[in-house]
Amino acid sequence: MTVFLLLYLCADATRSDCQVVKADSWNGPYANEQCSDALTDLTEALTATNRERHRFVCEMQGTGVKPAEHKTQPALIHQSFRM
């Protein structure tokens, strides 16, 4: 399994206009746990203002789609980015 740590850089707190950047990746059976650990640390390192605008996400990838091909913007609901 491959897990990518993605950073959503957003123009404002509505998170309706975001750029997706691959920050890191892990392979293997513990990839999701490694990504989750990094996600927690990186999120805590953001300032309060930046936590409202940007977010880190762990995303499992199959063999088909690569992060560079990730073009769609996720439909976010208010609860999806509360931590």
PDB file of N, CA and C in Angstrom:
ATOM      1  N   MET A   1       0.846  -1.165   0.000  1.00  0.00           N
ATOM      2  CA  MET A   1       0.000   0.000   0.000  1.00  0.00           C
ATOM      3  C   MET A   1       0.899   1.239   0.000  1.00  0.00           C
ATOM      4  N   THR A   2       0.493   2.246  -0.752  1.00  0.00           N
ATOM      5  CA  THR A   2       1.190   3.529  -0.780  1.00  0.00           C
ATOM      6  C   THR A   2       0.259   4.595  -0.225  1.00  0.00           C
ATOM      7  N   VAL A   3       0.785   5.428   0.651  1.00  0.00           N
ATOM      8  CA  VAL A   3       0.013   6.519   1.236  1.00  0.00           C
ATOM      9  C   VAL A   3       0.767   7.817   0.977  1.00  0.00           C
ATOM     10  N   PHE A   4       0.049   8.815   0.473  1.00  0.00           N
ATOM     11  CA  PHE A   4       0.626  10.124   0.206  1.00  0.00           C
ATOM     12  C   PHE A   4       0.133  11.129   1.230  1.00  0.00           C
ATOM     13  N   LEU A   5       1.037  11.959   1.697  1.00  0.00           N
ATOM     14  CA  LEU A   5       0.677  13.083   2.550  1.00  0.00           C
ATOM     15  C   LEU A   5       0.521  14.278   1.627  1.00  0.00           C
ATOM     16  N   LEU A   6      -0.701  14.771   1.515  1.00  0.00           N
ATOM     17  CA  LEU A   6      -1.004  15.884   0.632  1.00  0.00           C
ATOM     18  C   LEU A   6      -1.261  17.136   1.457  1.00  0.00           C
ATOM     19  N   LEU A   7      -0.776  18.245   0.971  1.00  0.00           N
ATOM     20  CA  LEU A   7      -1.029  19.539   1.598  1.00  0.00           C
ATOM     21  C   LEU A   7      -1.979  20.303   0.695  1.00  0.00           C
ATOM     22  N   TYR A   8      -3.111  20.695   1.249  1.00  0.00           N
ATOM     23  CA  TYR A   8      -4.075  21.520   0.529  1.00  0.00           C
ATOM     24  C   TYR A   8      -3.803  22.968   0.907  1.00  0.00           C
ATOM     25  N   LEU A   9      -3.231  23.729  -0.026  1.00  0.00           N
ATOM     26  CA  LEU A   9      -2.954  25.148   0.173  1.00  0.00           C
ATOM     27  C   LEU A   9      -4.150  25.918  -0.358  1.00  0.00           C
ATOM     28  N   CYS A  10      -4.865  26.593   0.520  1.00  0.00           N
ATOM     29  CA  CYS A  10      -6.118  27.237   0.144  1.00  0.00           C
ATOM     30  C   CYS A  10      -6.010  28.750   0.235  1.00  0.00           C
ATOM     31  N   ALA A  11      -6.747  29.426  -0.617  1.00  0.00           N
ATOM     32  CA  ALA A  11      -6.697  30.884  -0.689  1.00  0.00           C
ATOM     33  C   ALA A  11      -7.309  31.550   0.540  1.00  0.00           C
ATOM     34  N   ASP A  12      -8.315  30.904   1.139  1.00  0.00           N
ATOM     35  CA  ASP A  12      -8.947  31.486   2.323  1.00  0.00           C
ATOM     36  C   ASP A  12      -9.548  30.383   3.175  1.00  0.00           C
ATOM     37  N   ALA A  13     -10.173  30.760   4.261  1.00  0.00           N
ATOM     38  CA  ALA A  13     -10.702  29.793   5.221  1.00  0.00           C
ATOM     39  C   ALA A  13     -11.892  28.987   4.695  1.00  0.00           C
ATOM     40  N   THR A  14     -12.511  29.397   3.590  1.00  0.00           N
ATOM     41  CA  THR A  14     -13.610  28.608   3.042  1.00  0.00           C
ATOM     42  C   THR A  14     -13.110  27.329   2.400  1.00  0.00           C
ATOM     43  N   ARG A  15     -11.812  27.297   2.075  1.00  0.00           N
ATOM     44  CA  ARG A  15     -11.177  26.141   1.435  1.00  0.00           C
ATOM     45  C   ARG A  15     -11.865  25.732   0.150  1.00  0.00           C
ATOM     46  N   SER A  16     -12.382  26.709  -0.564  1.00  0.00           N
ATOM     47  CA  SER A  16     -13.043  26.409  -1.826  1.00  0.00           C
ATOM     48  C   SER A  16     -12.099  26.523  -3.015  1.00  0.00           C
ATOM     49  N   ASP A  17     -10.942  27.158  -2.848  1.00  0.00           N
ATOM     50  CA  ASP A  17      -9.966  27.317  -3.927  1.00  0.00           C
ATOM     51  C   ASP A  17      -8.615  26.852  -3.404  1.00  0.00           C
ATOM     52  N   CYS A  18      -8.294  25.576  -3.637  1.00  0.00           N
ATOM     53  CA  CYS A  18      -7.091  24.993  -3.059  1.00  0.00           C
ATOM     54  C   CYS A  18      -6.191  24.384  -4.130  1.00  0.00           C
ATOM     55  N   GLN A  19      -4.903  24.432  -3.866  1.00  0.00           N
ATOM     56  CA  GLN A  19      -3.904  23.729  -4.663  1.00  0.00           C
ATOM     57  C   GLN A  19      -3.465  22.513  -3.853  1.00  0.00           C
ATOM     58  N   VAL A  20      -3.257  21.382  -4.517  1.00  0.00           N
ATOM     59  CA  VAL A  20      -2.837  20.167  -3.835  1.00  0.00           C
ATOM     60  C   VAL A  20      -1.356  19.940  -4.117  1.00  0.00           C
ATOM     61  N   VAL A  21      -0.577  19.750  -3.043  1.00  0.00           N
ATOM     62  CA  VAL A  21       0.861  19.528  -3.153  1.00  0.00           C
ATOM     63  C   VAL A  21       1.208  18.248  -2.416  1.00  0.00           C
ATOM     64  N   LYS A  22       1.948  17.360  -3.085  1.00  0.00           N
ATOM     65  CA  LYS A  22       2.418  16.142  -2.412  1.00  0.00           C
ATOM     66  C   LYS A  22       3.553  16.539  -1.473  1.00  0.00           C
ATOM     67  N   ALA A  23       3.395  16.249  -0.189  1.00  0.00           N
ATOM     68  CA  ALA A  23       4.404  16.600   0.802  1.00  0.00           C
ATOM     69  C   ALA A  23       5.336  15.430   1.121  1.00  0.00           C
ATOM     70  N   ASP A  24       4.818  14.203   1.093  1.00  0.00           N
ATOM     71  CA  ASP A  24       5.625  13.026   1.424  1.00  0.00           C
ATOM     72  C   ASP A  24       4.850  11.781   1.006  1.00  0.00           C
ATOM     73  N   SER A  25       5.487  10.634   1.081  1.00  0.00           N
ATOM     74  CA  SER A  25       4.793   9.374   0.789  1.00  0.00           C
ATOM     75  C   SER A  25       5.466   8.235   1.532  1.00  0.00           C
ATOM     76  N   TRP A  26       4.709   7.177   1.781  1.00  0.00           N
ATOM     77  CA  TRP A  26       5.188   5.992   2.473  1.00  0.00           C
ATOM     78  C   TRP A  26       4.651   4.769   1.755  1.00  0.00           C
ATOM     79  N   ASN A  27       5.415   3.682   1.800  1.00  0.00           N
ATOM     80  CA  ASN A  27       5.009   2.398   1.236  1.00  0.00           C
ATOM     81  C   ASN A  27       5.066   1.349   2.326  1.00  0.00           C
ATOM     82  N   GLY A  28       4.214   0.353   2.211  1.00  0.00           N
ATOM     83  CA  GLY A  28       4.270  -0.774   3.130  1.00  0.00           C
ATOM     84  C   GLY A  28       3.054  -0.876   4.018  1.00  0.00           C
ATOM     85  N   PRO A  29       3.055  -1.890   4.879  1.00  0.00           N
ATOM     86  CA  PRO A  29       1.876  -2.174   5.699  1.00  0.00           C
ATOM     87  C   PRO A  29       1.596  -1.110   6.763  1.00  0.00           C
ATOM     88  N   TYR A  30       2.603  -0.311   7.150  1.00  0.00           N
ATOM     89  CA  TYR A  30       2.394   0.698   8.189  1.00  0.00           C
ATOM     90  C   TYR A  30       2.379   2.105   7.617  1.00  0.00           C
ATOM     91  N   ALA A  31       2.206   2.220   6.315  1.00  0.00           N
ATOM     92  CA  ALA A  31       2.253   3.519   5.649  1.00  0.00           C
ATOM     93  C   ALA A  31       1.193   4.471   6.186  1.00  0.00           C
ATOM     94  N   ASN A  32      -0.002   3.978   6.438  1.00  0.00           N
ATOM     95  CA  ASN A  32      -1.082   4.849   6.916  1.00  0.00           C
ATOM     96  C   ASN A  32      -0.768   5.404   8.308  1.00  0.00           C
ATOM     97  N   GLU A  33      -0.218   4.571   9.175  1.00  0.00           N
ATOM     98  CA  GLU A  33       0.148   5.030  10.519  1.00  0.00           C
ATOM     99  C   GLU A  33       1.274   6.067  10.464  1.00  0.00           C
ATOM    100  N   GLN A  34       2.262   5.835   9.592  1.00  0.00           N
ATOM    101  CA  GLN A  34       3.361   6.783   9.452  1.00  0.00           C
ATOM    102  C   GLN A  34       2.850   8.132   8.955  1.00  0.00           C
ATOM    103  N   CYS A  35       1.946   8.096   8.001  1.00  0.00           N
ATOM    104  CA  CYS A  35       1.375   9.332   7.471  1.00  0.00           C
ATOM    105  C   CYS A  35       0.563  10.042   8.551  1.00  0.00           C
ATOM    106  N   SER A  36      -0.224   9.304   9.303  1.00  0.00           N
ATOM    107  CA  SER A  36      -1.042   9.902  10.363  1.00  0.00           C
ATOM    108  C   SER A  36      -0.177  10.582  11.422  1.00  0.00           C
ATOM    109  N   ASP A  37       0.941   9.956  11.764  1.00  0.00           N
ATOM    110  CA  ASP A  37       1.855  10.562  12.738  1.00  0.00           C
ATOM    111  C   ASP A  37       2.415  11.882  12.204  1.00  0.00           C
ATOM    112  N   ALA A  38       2.836  11.870  10.946  1.00  0.00           N
ATOM    113  CA  ALA A  38       3.372  13.096  10.336  1.00  0.00           C
ATOM    114  C   ALA A  38       2.294  14.159  10.222  1.00  0.00           C
ATOM    115  N   LEU A  39       1.088  13.748   9.856  1.00  0.00           N
ATOM    116  CA  LEU A  39      -0.035  14.678   9.701  1.00  0.00           C
ATOM    117  C   LEU A  39      -0.301  15.414  11.017  1.00  0.00           C
ATOM    118  N   THR A  40      -0.319  14.697  12.110  1.00  0.00           N
ATOM    119  CA  THR A  40      -0.574  15.302  13.421  1.00  0.00           C
ATOM    120  C   THR A  40       0.501  16.329  13.765  1.00  0.00           C
ATOM    121  N   ASP A  41       1.759  15.945  13.599  1.00  0.00           N
ATOM    122  CA  ASP A  41       2.865  16.847  13.929  1.00  0.00           C
ATOM    123  C   ASP A  41       2.856  18.095  13.055  1.00  0.00           C
ATOM    124  N   LEU A  42       2.653  17.905  11.760  1.00  0.00           N
ATOM    125  CA  LEU A  42       2.663  19.047  10.840  1.00  0.00           C
ATOM    126  C   LEU A  42       1.482  19.977  11.076  1.00  0.00           C
ATOM    127  N   THR A  43       0.315  19.421  11.356  1.00  0.00           N
ATOM    128  CA  THR A  43      -0.861  20.242  11.621  1.00  0.00           C
ATOM    129  C   THR A  43      -0.651  21.078  12.880  1.00  0.00           C
ATOM    130  N   GLU A  44      -0.079  20.466  13.913  1.00  0.00           N
ATOM    131  CA  GLU A  44       0.186  21.201  15.146  1.00  0.00           C
ATOM    132  C   GLU A  44       1.216  22.305  14.932  1.00  0.00           C
ATOM    133  N   ALA A  45       2.119  22.128  13.973  1.00  0.00           N
ATOM    134  CA  ALA A  45       3.154  23.121  13.700  1.00  0.00           C
ATOM    135  C   ALA A  45       2.614  24.357  12.961  1.00  0.00           C
ATOM    136  N   LEU A  46       1.444  24.230  12.351  1.00  0.00           N
ATOM    137  CA  LEU A  46       0.854  25.379  11.659  1.00  0.00           C
ATOM    138  C   LEU A  46       0.348  26.399  12.675  1.00  0.00           C
ATOM    139  N   THR A  47       0.410  27.654  12.302  1.00  0.00           N
ATOM    140  CA  THR A  47      -0.191  28.679  13.156  1.00  0.00           C
ATOM    141  C   THR A  47      -1.704  28.511  13.112  1.00  0.00           C
ATOM    142  N   ALA A  48      -2.394  29.100  14.065  1.00  0.00           N
ATOM    143  CA  ALA A  48      -3.859  28.981  14.121  1.00  0.00           C
ATOM    144  C   ALA A  48      -4.494  29.504  12.830  1.00  0.00           C
ATOM    145  N   THR A  49      -3.999  30.614  12.326  1.00  0.00           N
ATOM    146  CA  THR A  49      -4.543  31.184  11.086  1.00  0.00           C
ATOM    147  C   THR A  49      -4.336  30.236   9.916  1.00  0.00           C
ATOM    148  N   ASN A  50      -3.149  29.665   9.809  1.00  0.00           N
ATOM    149  CA  ASN A  50      -2.879  28.745   8.715  1.00  0.00           C
ATOM    150  C   ASN A  50      -3.641  27.434   8.858  1.00  0.00           C
ATOM    151  N   ARG A  51      -3.925  27.010  10.079  1.00  0.00           N
ATOM    152  CA  ARG A  51      -4.742  25.807  10.278  1.00  0.00           C
ATOM    153  C   ARG A  51      -6.144  26.009   9.725  1.00  0.00           C
ATOM    154  N   GLU A  52      -6.646  27.220   9.774  1.00  0.00           N
ATOM    155  CA  GLU A  52      -7.972  27.510   9.220  1.00  0.00           C
ATOM    156  C   GLU A  52      -7.960  27.470   7.701  1.00  0.00           C
ATOM    157  N   ARG A  53      -6.840  27.816   7.084  1.00  0.00           N
ATOM    158  CA  ARG A  53      -6.768  27.927   5.626  1.00  0.00           C
ATOM    159  C   ARG A  53      -6.247  26.671   4.944  1.00  0.00           C
ATOM    160  N   HIS A  54      -5.273  26.015   5.532  1.00  0.00           N
ATOM    161  CA  HIS A  54      -4.599  24.893   4.892  1.00  0.00           C
ATOM    162  C   HIS A  54      -4.824  23.621   5.700  1.00  0.00           C
ATOM    163  N   ARG A  55      -4.615  22.491   5.043  1.00  0.00           N
ATOM    164  CA  ARG A  55      -4.737  21.235   5.780  1.00  0.00           C
ATOM    165  C   ARG A  55      -3.872  20.161   5.143  1.00  0.00           C
ATOM    166  N   PHE A  56      -3.464  19.209   5.955  1.00  0.00           N
ATOM    167  CA  PHE A  56      -2.744  18.036   5.498  1.00  0.00           C
ATOM    168  C   PHE A  56      -3.722  16.871   5.470  1.00  0.00           C
ATOM    169  N   VAL A  57      -3.570  15.998   4.472  1.00  0.00           N
ATOM    170  CA  VAL A  57      -4.457  14.850   4.322  1.00  0.00           C
ATOM    171  C   VAL A  57      -3.627  13.638   3.939  1.00  0.00           C
ATOM    172  N   CYS A  58      -3.910  12.502   4.547  1.00  0.00           N
ATOM    173  CA  CYS A  58      -3.299  11.235   4.140  1.00  0.00           C
ATOM    174  C   CYS A  58      -4.244  10.577   3.141  1.00  0.00           C
ATOM    175  N   GLU A  59      -3.699  10.200   2.005  1.00  0.00           N
ATOM    176  CA  GLU A  59      -4.530   9.593   0.967  1.00  0.00           C
ATOM    177  C   GLU A  59      -3.882   8.309   0.481  1.00  0.00           C
ATOM    178  N   MET A  60      -4.636   7.205   0.576  1.00  0.00           N
ATOM    179  CA  MET A  60      -4.150   5.928   0.077  1.00  0.00           C
ATOM    180  C   MET A  60      -4.302   5.927  -1.439  1.00  0.00           C
ATOM    181  N   GLN A  61      -3.284   5.392  -2.124  1.00  0.00           N
ATOM    182  CA  GLN A  61      -3.309   5.352  -3.584  1.00  0.00           C
ATOM    183  C   GLN A  61      -3.255   3.918  -4.068  1.00  0.00           C
ATOM    184  N   GLY A  62      -4.002   3.687  -5.131  1.00  0.00           N
ATOM    185  CA  GLY A  62      -3.936   2.401  -5.806  1.00  0.00           C
ATOM    186  C   GLY A  62      -2.847   2.466  -6.860  1.00  0.00           C
ATOM    187  N   THR A  63      -2.871   1.547  -7.780  1.00  0.00           N
ATOM    188  CA  THR A  63      -1.842   1.522  -8.816  1.00  0.00           C
ATOM    189  C   THR A  63      -2.147   2.474  -9.958  1.00  0.00           C
ATOM    190  N   GLY A  64      -3.364   3.004 -10.029  1.00  0.00           N
ATOM    191  CA  GLY A  64      -3.750   3.826 -11.170  1.00  0.00           C
ATOM    192  C   GLY A  64      -3.400   5.296 -11.084  1.00  0.00           C
ATOM    193  N   VAL A  65      -3.862   5.986 -10.074  1.00  0.00           N
ATOM    194  CA  VAL A  65      -3.742   7.436 -10.013  1.00  0.00           C
ATOM    195  C   VAL A  65      -2.499   7.836  -9.233  1.00  0.00           C
ATOM    196  N   LYS A  66      -1.732   8.761  -9.789  1.00  0.00           N
ATOM    197  CA  LYS A  66      -0.570   9.320  -9.108  1.00  0.00           C
ATOM    198  C   LYS A  66      -0.934  10.711  -8.622  1.00  0.00           C
ATOM    199  N   PRO A  67      -0.306  11.214  -7.558  1.00  0.00           N
ATOM    200  CA  PRO A  67      -0.659  12.532  -7.020  1.00  0.00           C
ATOM    201  C   PRO A  67      -0.574  13.649  -8.051  1.00  0.00           C
ATOM    202  N   ALA A  68       0.379  13.580  -8.976  1.00  0.00           N
ATOM    203  CA  ALA A  68       0.515  14.629  -9.982  1.00  0.00           C
ATOM    204  C   ALA A  68      -0.710  14.684 -10.889  1.00  0.00           C
ATOM    205  N   GLU A  69      -1.439  13.581 -10.980  1.00  0.00           N
ATOM    206  CA  GLU A  69      -2.626  13.523 -11.811  1.00  0.00           C
ATOM    207  C   GLU A  69      -3.872  13.956 -11.049  1.00  0.00           C
ATOM    208  N   HIS A  70      -3.724  14.236  -9.789  1.00  0.00           N
ATOM    209  CA  HIS A  70      -4.857  14.616  -8.932  1.00  0.00           C
ATOM    210  C   HIS A  70      -5.318  16.020  -9.311  1.00  0.00           C
ATOM    211  N   LYS A  71      -6.402  16.121 -10.065  1.00  0.00           N
ATOM    212  CA  LYS A  71      -6.872  17.407 -10.556  1.00  0.00           C
ATOM    213  C   LYS A  71      -8.155  17.878  -9.880  1.00  0.00           C
ATOM    214  N   THR A  72      -8.955  16.953  -9.395  1.00  0.00           N
ATOM    215  CA  THR A  72     -10.241  17.344  -8.839  1.00  0.00           C
ATOM    216  C   THR A  72     -10.074  17.934  -7.453  1.00  0.00           C
ATOM    217  N   GLN A  73     -10.912  18.878  -7.132  1.00  0.00           N
ATOM    218  CA  GLN A  73     -10.900  19.452  -5.799  1.00  0.00           C
ATOM    219  C   GLN A  73     -11.988  18.776  -4.981  1.00  0.00           C
ATOM    220  N   PRO A  74     -11.648  18.388  -3.768  1.00  0.00           N
ATOM    221  CA  PRO A  74     -12.618  17.657  -2.960  1.00  0.00           C
ATOM    222  C   PRO A  74     -13.777  18.544  -2.529  1.00  0.00           C
ATOM    223  N   ALA A  75     -14.920  17.903  -2.401  1.00  0.00           N
ATOM    224  CA  ALA A  75     -16.079  18.614  -1.860  1.00  0.00           C
ATOM    225  C   ALA A  75     -15.947  18.570  -0.349  1.00  0.00           C
ATOM    226  N   LEU A  76     -15.706  19.700   0.252  1.00  0.00           N
ATOM    227  CA  LEU A  76     -15.472  19.756   1.688  1.00  0.00           C
ATOM    228  C   LEU A  76     -16.731  20.184   2.421  1.00  0.00           C
ATOM    229  N   ILE A  77     -16.969  19.521   3.512  1.00  0.00           N
ATOM    230  CA  ILE A  77     -18.042  19.966   4.386  1.00  0.00           C
ATOM    231  C   ILE A  77     -17.403  20.491   5.656  1.00  0.00           C
ATOM    232  N   HIS A  78     -18.102  21.263   6.402  1.00  0.00           N
ATOM    233  CA  HIS A  78     -17.549  21.915   7.586  1.00  0.00           C
ATOM    234  C   HIS A  78     -16.883  20.918   8.532  1.00  0.00           C
ATOM    235  N   GLN A  79     -17.516  19.798   8.765  1.00  0.00           N
ATOM    236  CA  GLN A  79     -16.993  18.821   9.701  1.00  0.00           C
ATOM    237  C   GLN A  79     -15.741  18.143   9.189  1.00  0.00           C
ATOM    238  N   SER A  80     -15.483  18.145   7.878  1.00  0.00           N
ATOM    239  CA  SER A  80     -14.366  17.382   7.339  1.00  0.00           C
ATOM    240  C   SER A  80     -13.026  17.958   7.730  1.00  0.00           C
ATOM    241  N   PHE A  81     -12.956  19.221   8.132  1.00  0.00           N
ATOM    242  CA  PHE A  81     -11.657  19.769   8.455  1.00  0.00           C
ATOM    243  C   PHE A  81     -11.519  20.228   9.895  1.00  0.00           C
ATOM    244  N   ARG A  82     -12.360  19.734  10.748  1.00  0.00           N
ATOM    245  CA  ARG A  82     -12.179  19.986  12.177  1.00  0.00           C
ATOM    246  C   ARG A  82     -11.246  18.928  12.722  1.00  0.00           C
ATOM    247  N   MET A  83     -10.297  19.362  13.532  1.00  0.00           N
ATOM    248  CA  MET A  83      -9.350  18.390  14.088  1.00  0.00           C
ATOM    249  C   MET A  83      -9.313  18.503  15.587  1.00  0.00           C
TER     250      MET A  83
END
